[in-house]
């Protein structure tokens, strides 16, 4: 599954790990994360993430 990087900090969303502390279960693709989810490190919205090459 595709990883996504926050453009405001160094956080990388890894679908295999999810973000359980913020209600995103492991195995959740980035596209299925709720629109109101925020970067757990810097608080920017999901729209500021880009696919990681």
PDB file of N, CA and C in Angstrom:
ATOM      1  N   UNK A   1       0.837  -1.190   0.000  1.00  0.00           N
ATOM      2  CA  UNK A   1       0.000   0.000   0.000  1.00  0.00           C
ATOM      3  C   UNK A   1       0.879   1.250   0.000  1.00  0.00           C
ATOM      4  N   UNK A   2       0.363   2.291  -0.613  1.00  0.00           N
ATOM      5  CA  UNK A   2       1.071   3.561  -0.783  1.00  0.00           C
ATOM      6  C   UNK A   2       1.214   4.302   0.558  1.00  0.00           C
ATOM      7  N   UNK A   3       2.420   4.789   0.823  1.00  0.00           N
ATOM      8  CA  UNK A   3       2.663   5.640   1.990  1.00  0.00           C
ATOM      9  C   UNK A   3       2.507   7.092   1.560  1.00  0.00           C
ATOM     10  N   UNK A   4       2.144   7.949   2.503  1.00  0.00           N
ATOM     11  CA  UNK A   4       1.963   9.373   2.238  1.00  0.00           C
ATOM     12  C   UNK A   4       2.763  10.183   3.235  1.00  0.00           C
ATOM     13  N   UNK A   5       3.365  11.293   2.748  1.00  0.00           N
ATOM     14  CA  UNK A   5       4.215  12.144   3.577  1.00  0.00           C
ATOM     15  C   UNK A   5       3.552  13.491   3.801  1.00  0.00           C
ATOM     16  N   UNK A   6       3.622  13.976   5.032  1.00  0.00           N
ATOM     17  CA  UNK A   6       3.136  15.304   5.363  1.00  0.00           C
ATOM     18  C   UNK A   6       4.090  16.331   4.756  1.00  0.00           C
ATOM     19  N   UNK A   7       3.537  17.351   4.093  1.00  0.00           N
ATOM     20  CA  UNK A   7       4.391  18.367   3.479  1.00  0.00           C
ATOM     21  C   UNK A   7       4.825  19.437   4.472  1.00  0.00           C
ATOM     22  N   UNK A   8       4.276  19.410   5.683  1.00  0.00           N
ATOM     23  CA  UNK A   8       4.622  20.419   6.683  1.00  0.00           C
ATOM     24  C   UNK A   8       5.637  19.916   7.712  1.00  0.00           C
ATOM     25  N   UNK A   9       5.775  18.602   7.832  1.00  0.00           N
ATOM     26  CA  UNK A   9       6.738  18.035   8.785  1.00  0.00           C
ATOM     27  C   UNK A   9       7.302  16.739   8.196  1.00  0.00           C
ATOM     28  N   UNK A  10       7.904  15.912   9.002  1.00  0.00           N
ATOM     29  CA  UNK A  10       8.538  14.690   8.499  1.00  0.00           C
ATOM     30  C   UNK A  10       7.687  13.431   8.673  1.00  0.00           C
ATOM     31  N   UNK A  11       6.447  13.581   9.141  1.00  0.00           N
ATOM     32  CA  UNK A  11       5.591  12.423   9.396  1.00  0.00           C
ATOM     33  C   UNK A  11       5.239  11.692   8.103  1.00  0.00           C
ATOM     34  N   UNK A  12       5.310  10.378   8.139  1.00  0.00           N
ATOM     35  CA  UNK A  12       4.903   9.528   7.017  1.00  0.00           C
ATOM     36  C   UNK A  12       3.786   8.611   7.496  1.00  0.00           C
ATOM     37  N   UNK A  13       2.649   8.658   6.797  1.00  0.00           N
ATOM     38  CA  UNK A  13       1.555   7.747   7.100  1.00  0.00           C
ATOM     39  C   UNK A  13       1.819   6.428   6.396  1.00  0.00           C
ATOM     40  N   UNK A  14       1.925   5.374   7.189  1.00  0.00           N
ATOM     41  CA  UNK A  14       2.131   4.021   6.668  1.00  0.00           C
ATOM     42  C   UNK A  14       0.837   3.243   6.892  1.00  0.00           C
ATOM     43  N   UNK A  15       0.139   2.855   5.813  1.00  0.00           N
ATOM     44  CA  UNK A  15      -1.132   2.147   5.961  1.00  0.00           C
ATOM     45  C   UNK A  15      -1.030   0.864   6.775  1.00  0.00           C
ATOM     46  N   UNK A  16       0.120   0.215   6.739  1.00  0.00           N
ATOM     47  CA  UNK A  16       0.271  -1.019   7.511  1.00  0.00           C
ATOM     48  C   UNK A  16       0.235  -0.747   9.013  1.00  0.00           C
ATOM     49  N   UNK A  17       0.675   0.434   9.426  1.00  0.00           N
ATOM     50  CA  UNK A  17       0.662   0.804  10.843  1.00  0.00           C
ATOM     51  C   UNK A  17      -0.599   1.562  11.230  1.00  0.00           C
ATOM     52  N   UNK A  18      -1.177   2.303  10.273  1.00  0.00           N
ATOM     53  CA  UNK A  18      -2.340   3.134  10.571  1.00  0.00           C
ATOM     54  C   UNK A  18      -1.961   4.250  11.542  1.00  0.00           C
ATOM     55  N   UNK A  19      -2.950   4.745  12.259  1.00  0.00           N
ATOM     56  CA  UNK A  19      -2.753   5.762  13.296  1.00  0.00           C
ATOM     57  C   UNK A  19      -3.747   5.463  14.416  1.00  0.00           C
ATOM     58  N   UNK A  20      -3.531   4.332  15.105  1.00  0.00           N
ATOM     59  CA  UNK A  20      -4.505   3.874  16.107  1.00  0.00           C
ATOM     60  C   UNK A  20      -4.787   4.891  17.208  1.00  0.00           C
ATOM     61  N   UNK A  21      -3.812   5.721  17.556  1.00  0.00           N
ATOM     62  CA  UNK A  21      -4.027   6.728  18.596  1.00  0.00           C
ATOM     63  C   UNK A  21      -5.078   7.758  18.179  1.00  0.00           C
ATOM     64  N   UNK A  22      -5.312   7.856  16.871  1.00  0.00           N
ATOM     65  CA  UNK A  22      -6.285   8.821  16.357  1.00  0.00           C
ATOM     66  C   UNK A  22      -7.424   8.150  15.591  1.00  0.00           C
ATOM     67  N   UNK A  23      -7.675   6.884  15.887  1.00  0.00           N
ATOM     68  CA  UNK A  23      -8.838   6.188  15.349  1.00  0.00           C
ATOM     69  C   UNK A  23      -8.688   5.581  13.968  1.00  0.00           C
ATOM     70  N   UNK A  24      -7.446   5.485  13.456  1.00  0.00           N
ATOM     71  CA  UNK A  24      -7.232   4.884  12.136  1.00  0.00           C
ATOM     72  C   UNK A  24      -6.556   3.526  12.341  1.00  0.00           C
ATOM     73  N   UNK A  25      -7.298   2.478  12.061  1.00  0.00           N
ATOM     74  CA  UNK A  25      -6.816   1.121  12.294  1.00  0.00           C
ATOM     75  C   UNK A  25      -5.690   0.736  11.332  1.00  0.00           C
ATOM     76  N   UNK A  26      -4.771  -0.126  11.773  1.00  0.00           N
ATOM     77  CA  UNK A  26      -3.759  -0.647  10.855  1.00  0.00           C
ATOM     78  C   UNK A  26      -4.424  -1.305   9.652  1.00  0.00           C
ATOM     79  N   UNK A  27      -3.822  -1.124   8.481  1.00  0.00           N
ATOM     80  CA  UNK A  27      -4.375  -1.681   7.255  1.00  0.00           C
ATOM     81  C   UNK A  27      -5.304  -0.730   6.520  1.00  0.00           C
ATOM     82  N   UNK A  28      -5.480   0.493   7.046  1.00  0.00           N
ATOM     83  CA  UNK A  28      -6.368   1.473   6.416  1.00  0.00           C
ATOM     84  C   UNK A  28      -5.627   2.253   5.336  1.00  0.00           C
ATOM     85  N   UNK A  29      -6.060   2.135   4.067  1.00  0.00           N
ATOM     86  CA  UNK A  29      -5.430   2.936   3.011  1.00  0.00           C
ATOM     87  C   UNK A  29      -5.660   4.423   3.274  1.00  0.00           C
ATOM     88  N   UNK A  30      -4.720   5.244   2.836  1.00  0.00           N
ATOM     89  CA  UNK A  30      -4.807   6.690   3.059  1.00  0.00           C
ATOM     90  C   UNK A  30      -6.129   7.258   2.549  1.00  0.00           C
ATOM     91  N   UNK A  31      -6.586   6.760   1.397  1.00  0.00           N
ATOM     92  CA  UNK A  31      -7.818   7.261   0.794  1.00  0.00           C
ATOM     93  C   UNK A  31      -9.051   7.025   1.674  1.00  0.00           C
ATOM     94  N   UNK A  32      -8.963   6.063   2.589  1.00  0.00           N
ATOM     95  CA  UNK A  32     -10.109   5.733   3.443  1.00  0.00           C
ATOM     96  C   UNK A  32     -10.066   6.422   4.805  1.00  0.00           C
ATOM     97  N   UNK A  33      -9.009   7.201   5.059  1.00  0.00           N
ATOM     98  CA  UNK A  33      -8.946   7.952   6.317  1.00  0.00           C
ATOM     99  C   UNK A  33      -9.999   9.053   6.262  1.00  0.00           C
ATOM    100  N   UNK A  34     -10.715   9.307   7.362  1.00  0.00           N
ATOM    101  CA  UNK A  34     -11.720  10.381   7.360  1.00  0.00           C
ATOM    102  C   UNK A  34     -11.117  11.733   6.963  1.00  0.00           C
ATOM    103  N   UNK A  35     -11.912  12.549   6.266  1.00  0.00           N
ATOM    104  CA  UNK A  35     -11.443  13.854   5.788  1.00  0.00           C
ATOM    105  C   UNK A  35     -11.024  14.783   6.924  1.00  0.00           C
ATOM    106  N   UNK A  36     -11.568  14.596   8.117  1.00  0.00           N
ATOM    107  CA  UNK A  36     -11.232  15.486   9.228  1.00  0.00           C
ATOM    108  C   UNK A  36      -9.996  15.029  10.019  1.00  0.00           C
ATOM    109  N   UNK A  37      -9.342  13.958   9.556  1.00  0.00           N
ATOM    110  CA  UNK A  37      -8.103  13.480  10.195  1.00  0.00           C
ATOM    111  C   UNK A  37      -7.010  14.516  10.016  1.00  0.00           C
ATOM    112  N   UNK A  38      -6.184  14.688  11.046  1.00  0.00           N
ATOM    113  CA  UNK A  38      -5.072  15.637  11.010  1.00  0.00           C
ATOM    114  C   UNK A  38      -3.758  14.919  11.243  1.00  0.00           C
ATOM    115  N   UNK A  39      -2.677  15.477  10.730  1.00  0.00           N
ATOM    116  CA  UNK A  39      -1.345  14.918  10.963  1.00  0.00           C
ATOM    117  C   UNK A  39      -1.125  14.806  12.470  1.00  0.00           C
ATOM    118  N   UNK A  40      -0.768  13.623  12.959  1.00  0.00           N
ATOM    119  CA  UNK A  40      -0.582  13.444  14.395  1.00  0.00           C
ATOM    120  C   UNK A  40       0.634  14.176  14.962  1.00  0.00           C
ATOM    121  N   UNK A  41       1.534  14.634  14.092  1.00  0.00           N
ATOM    122  CA  UNK A  41       2.719  15.337  14.581  1.00  0.00           C
ATOM    123  C   UNK A  41       2.596  16.847  14.535  1.00  0.00           C
ATOM    124  N   UNK A  42       1.960  17.388  13.470  1.00  0.00           N
ATOM    125  CA  UNK A  42       1.923  18.848  13.358  1.00  0.00           C
ATOM    126  C   UNK A  42       0.520  19.428  13.203  1.00  0.00           C
ATOM    127  N   UNK A  43      -0.489  18.568  13.009  1.00  0.00           N
ATOM    128  CA  UNK A  43      -1.870  19.029  12.991  1.00  0.00           C
ATOM    129  C   UNK A  43      -2.398  19.586  11.680  1.00  0.00           C
ATOM    130  N   UNK A  44      -1.658  19.437  10.571  1.00  0.00           N
ATOM    131  CA  UNK A  44      -2.178  19.927   9.297  1.00  0.00           C
ATOM    132  C   UNK A  44      -3.212  18.945   8.748  1.00  0.00           C
ATOM    133  N   UNK A  45      -4.110  19.420   7.873  1.00  0.00           N
ATOM    134  CA  UNK A  45      -5.135  18.531   7.320  1.00  0.00           C
ATOM    135  C   UNK A  45      -4.585  17.528   6.318  1.00  0.00           C
ATOM    136  N   UNK A  46      -5.386  16.517   6.080  1.00  0.00           N
ATOM    137  CA  UNK A  46      -5.057  15.417   5.168  1.00  0.00           C
ATOM    138  C   UNK A  46      -4.683  15.915   3.763  1.00  0.00           C
ATOM    139  N   UNK A  47      -5.257  17.031   3.334  1.00  0.00           N
ATOM    140  CA  UNK A  47      -5.016  17.566   1.999  1.00  0.00           C
ATOM    141  C   UNK A  47      -3.557  17.944   1.770  1.00  0.00           C
ATOM    142  N   UNK A  48      -2.794  18.135   2.855  1.00  0.00           N
ATOM    143  CA  UNK A  48      -1.391  18.544   2.711  1.00  0.00           C
ATOM    144  C   UNK A  48      -0.426  17.369   2.685  1.00  0.00           C
ATOM    145  N   UNK A  49      -0.958  16.169   2.477  1.00  0.00           N
ATOM    146  CA  UNK A  49      -0.113  14.975   2.335  1.00  0.00           C
ATOM    147  C   UNK A  49       0.083  14.657   0.864  1.00  0.00           C
ATOM    148  N   UNK A  50       1.256  14.144   0.532  1.00  0.00           N
ATOM    149  CA  UNK A  50       1.559  13.749  -0.838  1.00  0.00           C
ATOM    150  C   UNK A  50       2.053  12.308  -0.838  1.00  0.00           C
ATOM    151  N   UNK A  51       1.837  11.574  -1.951  1.00  0.00           N
ATOM    152  CA  UNK A  51       2.334  10.197  -2.033  1.00  0.00           C
ATOM    153  C   UNK A  51       3.846  10.168  -1.887  1.00  0.00           C
ATOM    154  N   UNK A  52       4.331   9.195  -1.165  1.00  0.00           N
ATOM    155  CA  UNK A  52       5.776   9.032  -0.958  1.00  0.00           C
ATOM    156  C   UNK A  52       6.304   8.110  -2.055  1.00  0.00           C
ATOM    157  N   UNK A  53       7.327   8.554  -2.752  1.00  0.00           N
ATOM    158  CA  UNK A  53       7.916   7.747  -3.830  1.00  0.00           C
ATOM    159  C   UNK A  53       8.756   6.625  -3.297  1.00  0.00           C
TER     160      UNK A  53
END
